[in-house]
């Protein structure tokens, strides 16, 4: 029995090499894309999918604009607002709290420690 071996591929064949030579040709041509590259750079890859995406975006924008706004707040007893001030050391948390207390109650706080309740209305 005689063994038949296939020849190996040459050094400069395949997808990567074709891309390399195409890029060199574009550089050589002054940066202008020609043929298929020029068409792909100016258009979209899948026209049907793009049309669907544009239509969906338009519908979502329309829904947002046409959504009825309902007032769900109770006019007699509005819900309380909880504010938590968090941050690293020396970032001005206590200064912010002192300023808010002074703005709403006209009282100066010396040292801020523990929870503070401010009722403004």
Foldseek 3Di string as FASTA:
>chain_A
DDDDDDDDDDDQDDDVNVVVVQVVVCVVVPNDDDDPVNVPVVDPDDPVVVVVVVVVVVVVVVCVVPPDDDDPADPVDGDDDDDDDDDDPPPCSFVVVQVVCCVAPVDGDDDDDDDDDDDHD
